[in-house]
Amino acid sequence: MQFARVVEVYDKIEATTKRLEMTDHLVRLLRDTPLEDLDKVVYLTQGRIHPDYMGIELGLAEKMVLRVVTHATGLDESKVNRMWKDKGDLGLVAEDAISARRQKPLESIPLTVAKVYENLDAIASESGEGSQERKVRLLSDLLGNATPREAKYIVRMVVGKMRLGVADMTIVDALALTFATKADRDRVEQAYNVSSDLGEVARAISTKGLKGLDEIRLKLFRPIRAMLAERLETLEEIFKRMGKVALEYKYDGLRVQAHVSRTKVQLFSRHLENITEQFPEIVEGLRTAIRGRDAIVEGEAVPVDSNTGEFLPFQEVSRRRGRKTDVDRMAKEFPVTLFSFDCLLRDGEDLTPRPYTERRKALEAVVGTGETIRYSTSRVTESVKEAEKFFDEALQAGCEGLMAKALDSPYEAGARGFQWIKFKKEYSAALSDTIDLVVVGAFAGRGKRAGSYGALLMAAYDEEADMFRTTCKLGTGFDDETLRKLPEKLKGARQDRRPARVDSKLEADVWFNPEVVLEVRGAELTVSPVHTAAAGVIRPGAGLAIRFPRFTGRWRDDKGPEDATTVKELLEMYRSQLKRTKASP
């Protein structure tokens, strides 16, 4: 398949802000794609070469890509650097530079999808002595034969900034419409939730149809998407909905999915990133705790003060993210304990369809405990009074609150529902709990904030529409240093126009692709005519807004945008707030 055909569709997708149009363009592309190229087209559209959990990155720095562009076009280095400074998008620089190159190649071979994928895969796989030079040659080979538009997307892929605005769930929609029907969409999503690999899903459904999706099953060292929880405001509401429940401490740490075989241990985050090297003490602990068995267990990684035994702030965990040095030293200074709470696979048997009670028994049978591996503290009860006492114990232990789990609940990968319910401290007060919102825009600063951003436009996630809907402007809680660094911190997500997945009545000075999640505290939720979260649900023409929002200082790097607080959650919190207000004397 000619890469030019793919690029033609990418241009159309980039030109629209309507998700349905994006999906239609993708369906046409998938229908035109030969089966041997289908998974490659899916990966490239995601802006990657392999699924995230494999941890394979292209690994070319922007300055190195600039040198390749300069070499491939014969333009002066100073001119290419000025183009980068003016445009801020290396893809546009490559497009313009290829258009203006001094010498056209005497012979150029039209790029195919297979060729582009092959070279990008080789770039990602190169390592060791001389690897940078080999990567440069592979990219030069592509740019030497690329048209200007092809060069734009190749370079964006290489630096990890595709900017298409195509979410994974949009690709799920397109695969269902191309190879099945709209009614089969949930089966496609379920296969993705289990495999975390849209390329594999595309191969299965295109060659074997829906039967192919049924063959995608849970297996070691391929993480599944995490099951998520809803929230309720009171323990009474939880028991009214669930009856007898299992309560667990809700730890303030990093959710970890651990895959353990007789010879290997790998750890994955809820983002499906391979984080094995960040937690050597957990890896070693699991080798001892799970001997001679294959298993997948989930837990929360929490830093513990080795002197007092008390939990430490989450920031001590997040400091390790992305670090390649000092991990062993940090593991000794701030050791992390994995509090395991679920067992998904045992000796090849998929336990996810089984009820919670059976999975908990399997967990305690499979996993031994030690200094760095423990079980989450749990209690089964149907008494609100007993639950309140257990809640107080959780807070005293340094936890955020409780998780309530239905005794008969299966593990539903990627699903969010009332099978699991979170109950955190201060839920009963008017929005005194923190929420996690996504940065989608910014407004230019004035006065002492001139030259930076004066406020950020924040959004909640609408699961049903796969959209991000605004709920506040965030301008307080930032120290001077953070304010100064905001433009640099957010530049990787910056967009030239409002992203397709962002619903906003406000016109921001700068738009961002929904990527960055911040923790926010506010006074209360109120009806707002200017924000779009839950628009029209409470009152026609109005949505929900956070009143007096304040940044807590916590960047939720452990959460993806789809893991942020949902519009549905905000709506539930607002309604509970109203009930409390009406009940007050």
Foldseek 3Di string as FASTA:
>chain_A
DFVVLLLVLLVVLQVDLALVSNLVSLLVVLLPDDLVCNLLSVQLVVLHLWFQLVVQALDDDPVLVLVLLCVLQVDDSVVLVVVCVVPVAVLLSSLVSLVVRPDQDPDADGDHSVLLSVLSVQSRPFDDPPSSVSNSVSLSNDSNRDHSSRSSSSVCSSNVFNPSLQDPLSVLCSLCVNQHNNVCSVLLVLLCQQQVTNSQSSSQCVPPNSVSSVPRHHDASRDGAAEAEAAALAPVVLCVVFFWWKKFFAAQEWKWKWWDAQVDIWIAGNVSHTCCVLAVVVRVLQCVFAHHKTWIWIFGKFWAQPVPRATDHRVLSVVSPPDPPCSVVSCVRTNIATATEFTQDIRHDGQQQFFSQVRRVVCPVRTDDDDRYHHTDMDIDRDSVVQVVVQVVSVVRVTFGMKIARRGHGGRRPHYDNNIYTYGPPSLAAQQDKFKWWFWAFAADDDVLHPFTQWTFTFAAAVVVRATWTAETEHAADDPVCRVCVCVVQSSFWDPARRSRYDFQDDHPTTGSGWWMFIKGARHKDWALGIDLCAPVVHHNIHIHGHHIHTNPDTPPSDGRNRGHHSVSNVSSNVSNVVVVVPDD
